[in-house]
Structure formats: structure tokens, C-alpha cells
Amino acid sequence: MADKLKLNRIKVVLAEKEIEQKVLAGMVKRDYNTINRICNNTSQPTLKLLYQIALALDVSVCDLLVDSKTVRLNVDGSFSK
């Protein structure tokens, strides 16, 4: 099984700030399951939601994303580490 590509660091930032996913869900008025999928990189937030999360956590949007230099785009359009 291939490694899951991690594009966001939201789960890491939550851990650093000692904030639970359910608390973040309430802060951005989203369902817990939505936030859980985003934190586990199963799905990715819209730009609007990404900005809402950054504001709620008092961090830069850049702090919530994995550096693009660590993610490669393959010739077929898929991503890899």
C-alpha cells in the first residue's frame, strides 16, 4: 500500500497548539468528520476553509501547508513524496 500524500499540516499545528479537532470544527463551523478527514489528509480543504482555519488557529496559511519542495508532480500528473 502506497504512503498517503500529506499536503497539509493542520493536524501537526493542532497538536502544537494543543487544540482538539472537535474544537477546531466548532471554531470554523464545520462538521467534525470534515475536519477529521482534512487532518488525516484524506481530503483537502477549500481555500476559503483553509483561510478560516488559519484565522481560527492564529497562524499563517503557509504554516498549514507542506512545503511544495517536498512534494513532486509526476509526469502522469500524480503526486509523490
PDB file of N, CA and C in Angstrom:
ATOM      1  N   MET A   1       0.839  -1.181   0.000  1.00  0.00           N
ATOM      2  CA  MET A   1       0.000   0.000   0.000  1.00  0.00           C
ATOM      3  C   MET A   1       0.881   1.240   0.000  1.00  0.00           C
ATOM      4  N   ALA A   2       0.593   2.167  -0.899  1.00  0.00           N
ATOM      5  CA  ALA A   2       1.398   3.376  -1.029  1.00  0.00           C
ATOM      6  C   ALA A   2       1.155   4.315   0.154  1.00  0.00           C
ATOM      7  N   ASP A   3       2.191   5.092   0.462  1.00  0.00           N
ATOM      8  CA  ASP A   3       2.045   6.084   1.522  1.00  0.00           C
ATOM      9  C   ASP A   3       1.051   7.149   1.089  1.00  0.00           C
ATOM     10  N   LYS A   4       0.256   7.627   2.036  1.00  0.00           N
ATOM     11  CA  LYS A   4      -0.695   8.689   1.753  1.00  0.00           C
ATOM     12  C   LYS A   4       0.074  10.000   1.612  1.00  0.00           C
ATOM     13  N   LEU A   5      -0.212  10.736   0.561  1.00  0.00           N
ATOM     14  CA  LEU A   5       0.446  12.012   0.326  1.00  0.00           C
ATOM     15  C   LEU A   5      -0.082  13.042   1.312  1.00  0.00           C
ATOM     16  N   LYS A   6       0.804  13.672   2.037  1.00  0.00           N
ATOM     17  CA  LYS A   6       0.408  14.670   3.029  1.00  0.00           C
ATOM     18  C   LYS A   6       0.640  16.058   2.446  1.00  0.00           C
ATOM     19  N   LEU A   7      -0.447  16.776   2.215  1.00  0.00           N
ATOM     20  CA  LEU A   7      -0.361  18.114   1.644  1.00  0.00           C
ATOM     21  C   LEU A   7      -0.592  19.209   2.681  1.00  0.00           C
ATOM     22  N   ASN A   8      -1.232  18.876   3.790  1.00  0.00           N
ATOM     23  CA  ASN A   8      -1.440  19.901   4.819  1.00  0.00           C
ATOM     24  C   ASN A   8      -0.873  19.438   6.164  1.00  0.00           C
ATOM     25  N   ARG A   9      -0.606  20.422   7.007  1.00  0.00           N
ATOM     26  CA  ARG A   9      -0.019  20.194   8.327  1.00  0.00           C
ATOM     27  C   ARG A   9      -0.984  20.565   9.447  1.00  0.00           C
ATOM     28  N   ILE A  10      -2.263  20.573   9.145  1.00  0.00           N
ATOM     29  CA  ILE A  10      -3.248  21.042  10.118  1.00  0.00           C
ATOM     30  C   ILE A  10      -3.220  20.205  11.389  1.00  0.00           C
ATOM     31  N   LYS A  11      -3.106  18.908  11.263  1.00  0.00           N
ATOM     32  CA  LYS A  11      -3.059  18.036  12.433  1.00  0.00           C
ATOM     33  C   LYS A  11      -1.842  18.360  13.309  1.00  0.00           C
ATOM     34  N   VAL A  12      -0.716  18.650  12.676  1.00  0.00           N
ATOM     35  CA  VAL A  12       0.517  18.998  13.401  1.00  0.00           C
ATOM     36  C   VAL A  12       0.336  20.314  14.153  1.00  0.00           C
ATOM     37  N   VAL A  13      -0.243  21.304  13.477  1.00  0.00           N
ATOM     38  CA  VAL A  13      -0.454  22.613  14.104  1.00  0.00           C
ATOM     39  C   VAL A  13      -1.435  22.496  15.273  1.00  0.00           C
ATOM     40  N   LEU A  14      -2.471  21.688  15.106  1.00  0.00           N
ATOM     41  CA  LEU A  14      -3.401  21.463  16.218  1.00  0.00           C
ATOM     42  C   LEU A  14      -2.681  20.858  17.418  1.00  0.00           C
ATOM     43  N   ALA A  15      -1.811  19.898  17.170  1.00  0.00           N
ATOM     44  CA  ALA A  15      -1.061  19.270  18.264  1.00  0.00           C
ATOM     45  C   ALA A  15      -0.140  20.287  18.940  1.00  0.00           C
ATOM     46  N   GLU A  16       0.526  21.112  18.139  1.00  0.00           N
ATOM     47  CA  GLU A  16       1.424  22.133  18.703  1.00  0.00           C
ATOM     48  C   GLU A  16       0.661  23.124  19.582  1.00  0.00           C
ATOM     49  N   LYS A  17      -0.552  23.449  19.173  1.00  0.00           N
ATOM     50  CA  LYS A  17      -1.364  24.412  19.921  1.00  0.00           C
ATOM     51  C   LYS A  17      -2.274  23.748  20.950  1.00  0.00           C
ATOM     52  N   GLU A  18      -2.198  22.407  21.034  1.00  0.00           N
ATOM     53  CA  GLU A  18      -2.997  21.623  21.976  1.00  0.00           C
ATOM     54  C   GLU A  18      -4.493  21.916  21.835  1.00  0.00           C
ATOM     55  N   ILE A  19      -4.941  21.897  20.572  1.00  0.00           N
ATOM     56  CA  ILE A  19      -6.347  22.101  20.260  1.00  0.00           C
ATOM     57  C   ILE A  19      -6.876  20.821  19.630  1.00  0.00           C
ATOM     58  N   GLU A  20      -8.036  20.371  20.074  1.00  0.00           N
ATOM     59  CA  GLU A  20      -8.624  19.151  19.531  1.00  0.00           C
ATOM     60  C   GLU A  20      -9.364  19.447  18.228  1.00  0.00           C
ATOM     61  N   GLN A  21      -9.489  18.419  17.406  1.00  0.00           N
ATOM     62  CA  GLN A  21     -10.174  18.556  16.130  1.00  0.00           C
ATOM     63  C   GLN A  21     -11.620  19.008  16.319  1.00  0.00           C
ATOM     64  N   LYS A  22     -12.289  18.495  17.337  1.00  0.00           N
ATOM     65  CA  LYS A  22     -13.688  18.874  17.546  1.00  0.00           C
ATOM     66  C   LYS A  22     -13.804  20.346  17.930  1.00  0.00           C
ATOM     67  N   VAL A  23     -12.798  20.870  18.605  1.00  0.00           N
ATOM     68  CA  VAL A  23     -12.793  22.296  18.950  1.00  0.00           C
ATOM     69  C   VAL A  23     -12.609  23.124  17.680  1.00  0.00           C
ATOM     70  N   LEU A  24     -11.674  22.712  16.826  1.00  0.00           N
ATOM     71  CA  LEU A  24     -11.481  23.411  15.552  1.00  0.00           C
ATOM     72  C   LEU A  24     -12.751  23.366  14.719  1.00  0.00           C
ATOM     73  N   ALA A  25     -13.411  22.226  14.694  1.00  0.00           N
ATOM     74  CA  ALA A  25     -14.658  22.093  13.938  1.00  0.00           C
ATOM     75  C   ALA A  25     -15.670  23.144  14.401  1.00  0.00           C
ATOM     76  N   GLY A  26     -15.770  23.335  15.686  1.00  0.00           N
ATOM     77  CA  GLY A  26     -16.672  24.356  16.216  1.00  0.00           C
ATOM     78  C   GLY A  26     -16.226  25.760  15.862  1.00  0.00           C
ATOM     79  N   MET A  27     -14.930  26.000  15.884  1.00  0.00           N
ATOM     80  CA  MET A  27     -14.396  27.328  15.579  1.00  0.00           C
ATOM     81  C   MET A  27     -14.691  27.744  14.140  1.00  0.00           C
ATOM     82  N   VAL A  28     -14.651  26.787  13.218  1.00  0.00           N
ATOM     83  CA  VAL A  28     -14.862  27.107  11.795  1.00  0.00           C
ATOM     84  C   VAL A  28     -16.255  26.686  11.314  1.00  0.00           C
ATOM     85  N   LYS A  29     -17.082  26.251  12.270  1.00  0.00           N
ATOM     86  CA  LYS A  29     -18.470  25.858  11.975  1.00  0.00           C
ATOM     87  C   LYS A  29     -18.561  24.806  10.879  1.00  0.00           C
ATOM     88  N   ARG A  30     -17.788  23.737  11.073  1.00  0.00           N
ATOM     89  CA  ARG A  30     -17.800  22.593  10.162  1.00  0.00           C
ATOM     90  C   ARG A  30     -18.020  21.330  10.968  1.00  0.00           C
ATOM     91  N   ASP A  31     -18.481  20.305  10.319  1.00  0.00           N
ATOM     92  CA  ASP A  31     -18.710  19.009  10.936  1.00  0.00           C
ATOM     93  C   ASP A  31     -17.369  18.400  11.371  1.00  0.00           C
ATOM     94  N   TYR A  32     -17.363  17.712  12.514  1.00  0.00           N
ATOM     95  CA  TYR A  32     -16.140  17.067  12.998  1.00  0.00           C
ATOM     96  C   TYR A  32     -15.552  16.123  11.956  1.00  0.00           C
ATOM     97  N   ASN A  33     -16.411  15.349  11.268  1.00  0.00           N
ATOM     98  CA  ASN A  33     -15.911  14.385  10.285  1.00  0.00           C
ATOM     99  C   ASN A  33     -15.170  15.073   9.136  1.00  0.00           C
ATOM    100  N   THR A  34     -15.629  16.242   8.756  1.00  0.00           N
ATOM    101  CA  THR A  34     -14.944  17.014   7.706  1.00  0.00           C
ATOM    102  C   THR A  34     -13.546  17.395   8.168  1.00  0.00           C
ATOM    103  N   ILE A  35     -13.443  17.919   9.379  1.00  0.00           N
ATOM    104  CA  ILE A  35     -12.147  18.324   9.924  1.00  0.00           C
ATOM    105  C   ILE A  35     -11.249  17.106  10.107  1.00  0.00           C
ATOM    106  N   ASN A  36     -11.807  16.000  10.534  1.00  0.00           N
ATOM    107  CA  ASN A  36     -11.016  14.778  10.721  1.00  0.00           C
ATOM    108  C   ASN A  36     -10.431  14.302   9.395  1.00  0.00           C
ATOM    109  N   ARG A  37     -11.219  14.315   8.328  1.00  0.00           N
ATOM    110  CA  ARG A  37     -10.708  13.904   7.001  1.00  0.00           C
ATOM    111  C   ARG A  37      -9.610  14.838   6.522  1.00  0.00           C
ATOM    112  N   ILE A  38      -9.774  16.126   6.793  1.00  0.00           N
ATOM    113  CA  ILE A  38      -8.751  17.096   6.397  1.00  0.00           C
ATOM    114  C   ILE A  38      -7.477  16.873   7.208  1.00  0.00           C
ATOM    115  N   CYS A  39      -7.611  16.675   8.505  1.00  0.00           N
ATOM    116  CA  CYS A  39      -6.443  16.464   9.364  1.00  0.00           C
ATOM    117  C   CYS A  39      -5.694  15.185   9.005  1.00  0.00           C
ATOM    118  N   ASN A  40      -6.405  14.194   8.527  1.00  0.00           N
ATOM    119  CA  ASN A  40      -5.779  12.928   8.130  1.00  0.00           C
ATOM    120  C   ASN A  40      -5.362  12.909   6.665  1.00  0.00           C
ATOM    121  N   ASN A  41      -5.484  14.051   5.990  1.00  0.00           N
ATOM    122  CA  ASN A  41      -5.110  14.194   4.584  1.00  0.00           C
ATOM    123  C   ASN A  41      -5.871  13.248   3.665  1.00  0.00           C
ATOM    124  N   THR A  42      -7.057  12.831   4.090  1.00  0.00           N
ATOM    125  CA  THR A  42      -7.924  12.035   3.233  1.00  0.00           C
ATOM    126  C   THR A  42      -8.580  12.936   2.205  1.00  0.00           C
ATOM    127  N   SER A  43      -8.888  14.172   2.620  1.00  0.00           N
ATOM    128  CA  SER A  43      -9.381  15.193   1.705  1.00  0.00           C
ATOM    129  C   SER A  43      -8.675  16.499   2.056  1.00  0.00           C
ATOM    130  N   GLN A  44      -8.813  17.482   1.183  1.00  0.00           N
ATOM    131  CA  GLN A  44      -8.145  18.762   1.398  1.00  0.00           C
ATOM    132  C   GLN A  44      -9.190  19.871   1.507  1.00  0.00           C
ATOM    133  N   PRO A  45      -8.892  20.883   2.320  1.00  0.00           N
ATOM    134  CA  PRO A  45      -9.854  21.979   2.489  1.00  0.00           C
ATOM    135  C   PRO A  45      -9.884  22.886   1.260  1.00  0.00           C
ATOM    136  N   THR A  46     -11.007  23.556   1.073  1.00  0.00           N
ATOM    137  CA  THR A  46     -11.060  24.602   0.056  1.00  0.00           C
ATOM    138  C   THR A  46     -10.154  25.737   0.519  1.00  0.00           C
ATOM    139  N   LEU A  47      -9.826  26.640  -0.377  1.00  0.00           N
ATOM    140  CA  LEU A  47      -9.007  27.790   0.021  1.00  0.00           C
ATOM    141  C   LEU A  47      -9.718  28.629   1.080  1.00  0.00           C
ATOM    142  N   LYS A  48     -11.027  28.783   0.913  1.00  0.00           N
ATOM    143  CA  LYS A  48     -11.792  29.560   1.890  1.00  0.00           C
ATOM    144  C   LYS A  48     -11.704  28.917   3.271  1.00  0.00           C
ATOM    145  N   LEU A  49     -11.889  27.600   3.337  1.00  0.00           N
ATOM    146  CA  LEU A  49     -11.806  26.907   4.619  1.00  0.00           C
ATOM    147  C   LEU A  49     -10.383  26.941   5.169  1.00  0.00           C
ATOM    148  N   LEU A  50      -9.399  26.827   4.299  1.00  0.00           N
ATOM    149  CA  LEU A  50      -8.002  26.897   4.743  1.00  0.00           C
ATOM    150  C   LEU A  50      -7.727  28.241   5.420  1.00  0.00           C
ATOM    151  N   TYR A  51      -8.235  29.325   4.834  1.00  0.00           N
ATOM    152  CA  TYR A  51      -8.073  30.647   5.439  1.00  0.00           C
ATOM    153  C   TYR A  51      -8.829  30.739   6.762  1.00  0.00           C
ATOM    154  N   GLN A  52     -10.023  30.167   6.832  1.00  0.00           N
ATOM    155  CA  GLN A  52     -10.783  30.180   8.084  1.00  0.00           C
ATOM    156  C   GLN A  52     -10.037  29.426   9.179  1.00  0.00           C
ATOM    157  N   ILE A  53      -9.445  28.311   8.825  1.00  0.00           N
ATOM    158  CA  ILE A  53      -8.667  27.525   9.791  1.00  0.00           C
ATOM    159  C   ILE A  53      -7.454  28.320  10.256  1.00  0.00           C
ATOM    160  N   ALA A  54      -6.763  28.957   9.321  1.00  0.00           N
ATOM    161  CA  ALA A  54      -5.588  29.763   9.683  1.00  0.00           C
ATOM    162  C   ALA A  54      -5.972  30.885  10.639  1.00  0.00           C
ATOM    163  N   LEU A  55      -7.074  31.557  10.354  1.00  0.00           N
ATOM    164  CA  LEU A  55      -7.532  32.636  11.248  1.00  0.00           C
ATOM    165  C   LEU A  55      -7.910  32.089  12.617  1.00  0.00           C
ATOM    166  N   ALA A  56      -8.611  30.962  12.641  1.00  0.00           N
ATOM    167  CA  ALA A  56      -9.031  30.367  13.909  1.00  0.00           C
ATOM    168  C   ALA A  56      -7.840  29.948  14.761  1.00  0.00           C
ATOM    169  N   LEU A  57      -6.789  29.456  14.106  1.00  0.00           N
ATOM    170  CA  LEU A  57      -5.607  28.986  14.837  1.00  0.00           C
ATOM    171  C   LEU A  57      -4.554  30.075  15.025  1.00  0.00           C
ATOM    172  N   ASP A  58      -4.819  31.252  14.463  1.00  0.00           N
ATOM    173  CA  ASP A  58      -3.891  32.389  14.555  1.00  0.00           C
ATOM    174  C   ASP A  58      -2.515  32.034  13.999  1.00  0.00           C
ATOM    175  N   VAL A  59      -2.519  31.455  12.790  1.00  0.00           N
ATOM    176  CA  VAL A  59      -1.273  31.118  12.096  1.00  0.00           C
ATOM    177  C   VAL A  59      -1.392  31.575  10.643  1.00  0.00           C
ATOM    178  N   SER A  60      -0.287  31.582   9.952  1.00  0.00           N
ATOM    179  CA  SER A  60      -0.280  31.878   8.526  1.00  0.00           C
ATOM    180  C   SER A  60      -0.794  30.662   7.759  1.00  0.00           C
ATOM    181  N   VAL A  61      -1.442  30.901   6.634  1.00  0.00           N
ATOM    182  CA  VAL A  61      -1.874  29.796   5.778  1.00  0.00           C
ATOM    183  C   VAL A  61      -0.669  28.932   5.419  1.00  0.00           C
ATOM    184  N   CYS A  62       0.481  29.547   5.208  1.00  0.00           N
ATOM    185  CA  CYS A  62       1.700  28.804   4.862  1.00  0.00           C
ATOM    186  C   CYS A  62       2.069  27.784   5.929  1.00  0.00           C
ATOM    187  N   ASP A  63       1.767  28.099   7.188  1.00  0.00           N
ATOM    188  CA  ASP A  63       2.073  27.182   8.287  1.00  0.00           C
ATOM    189  C   ASP A  63       1.224  25.915   8.229  1.00  0.00           C
ATOM    190  N   LEU A  64       0.116  25.974   7.500  1.00  0.00           N
ATOM    191  CA  LEU A  64      -0.803  24.840   7.427  1.00  0.00           C
ATOM    192  C   LEU A  64      -0.515  23.925   6.241  1.00  0.00           C
ATOM    193  N   LEU A  65       0.401  24.328   5.373  1.00  0.00           N
ATOM    194  CA  LEU A  65       0.681  23.557   4.161  1.00  0.00           C
ATOM    195  C   LEU A  65       2.075  22.953   4.190  1.00  0.00           C
ATOM    196  N   VAL A  66       2.217  21.798   3.547  1.00  0.00           N
ATOM    197  CA  VAL A  66       3.520  21.168   3.387  1.00  0.00           C
ATOM    198  C   VAL A  66       4.257  21.951   2.313  1.00  0.00           C
ATOM    199  N   ASP A  67       5.545  22.197   2.498  1.00  0.00           N
ATOM    200  CA  ASP A  67       6.358  22.923   1.524  1.00  0.00           C
ATOM    201  C   ASP A  67       6.329  22.205   0.180  1.00  0.00           C
ATOM    202  N   SER A  68       6.068  22.945  -0.871  1.00  0.00           N
ATOM    203  CA  SER A  68       5.953  22.345  -2.207  1.00  0.00           C
ATOM    204  C   SER A  68       7.245  21.685  -2.673  1.00  0.00           C
ATOM    205  N   LYS A  69       8.361  22.047  -2.086  1.00  0.00           N
ATOM    206  CA  LYS A  69       9.636  21.432  -2.469  1.00  0.00           C
ATOM    207  C   LYS A  69       9.729  19.973  -2.016  1.00  0.00           C
ATOM    208  N   THR A  70       8.853  19.588  -1.069  1.00  0.00           N
ATOM    209  CA  THR A  70       8.884  18.203  -0.581  1.00  0.00           C
ATOM    210  C   THR A  70       7.885  17.316  -1.308  1.00  0.00           C
ATOM    211  N   VAL A  71       7.073  17.903  -2.188  1.00  0.00           N
ATOM    212  CA  VAL A  71       6.076  17.150  -2.947  1.00  0.00           C
ATOM    213  C   VAL A  71       6.403  17.295  -4.428  1.00  0.00           C
ATOM    214  N   ARG A  72       6.483  16.168  -5.136  1.00  0.00           N
ATOM    215  CA  ARG A  72       6.818  16.200  -6.560  1.00  0.00           C
ATOM    216  C   ARG A  72       5.608  15.839  -7.411  1.00  0.00           C
ATOM    217  N   LEU A  73       5.511  16.488  -8.552  1.00  0.00           N
ATOM    218  CA  LEU A  73       4.468  16.163  -9.519  1.00  0.00           C
ATOM    219  C   LEU A  73       5.064  15.209 -10.539  1.00  0.00           C
ATOM    220  N   ASN A  74       4.482  14.015 -10.664  1.00  0.00           N
ATOM    221  CA  ASN A  74       4.960  13.022 -11.618  1.00  0.00           C
ATOM    222  C   ASN A  74       4.531  13.405 -13.036  1.00  0.00           C
ATOM    223  N   VAL A  75       5.154  12.805 -14.023  1.00  0.00           N
ATOM    224  CA  VAL A  75       4.847  13.075 -15.415  1.00  0.00           C
ATOM    225  C   VAL A  75       3.371  12.807 -15.724  1.00  0.00           C
ATOM    226  N   ASP A  76       2.770  11.805 -15.100  1.00  0.00           N
ATOM    227  CA  ASP A  76       1.369  11.488 -15.362  1.00  0.00           C
ATOM    228  C   ASP A  76       0.392  12.383 -14.601  1.00  0.00           C
ATOM    229  N   GLY A  77       0.906  13.380 -13.872  1.00  0.00           N
ATOM    230  CA  GLY A  77       0.045  14.310 -13.150  1.00  0.00           C
ATOM    231  C   GLY A  77      -0.232  13.932 -11.716  1.00  0.00           C
ATOM    232  N   SER A  78       0.236  12.759 -11.281  1.00  0.00           N
ATOM    233  CA  SER A  78       0.037  12.357  -9.890  1.00  0.00           C
ATOM    234  C   SER A  78       1.183  12.914  -9.035  1.00  0.00           C
ATOM    235  N   PHE A  79       0.948  12.965  -7.732  1.00  0.00           N
ATOM    236  CA  PHE A  79       1.942  13.482  -6.800  1.00  0.00           C
ATOM    237  C   PHE A  79       2.679  12.353  -6.110  1.00  0.00           C
ATOM    238  N   SER A  80       3.892  12.631  -5.662  1.00  0.00           N
ATOM    239  CA  SER A  80       4.646  11.692  -4.832  1.00  0.00           C
ATOM    240  C   SER A  80       5.514  12.473  -3.878  1.00  0.00           C
ATOM    241  N   LYS A  81       6.027  11.784  -2.889  1.00  0.00           N
ATOM    242  CA  LYS A  81       6.910  12.417  -1.895  1.00  0.00           C
ATOM    243  C   LYS A  81       8.293  12.577  -2.474  1.00  0.00           C
TER     244      LYS A  81
END
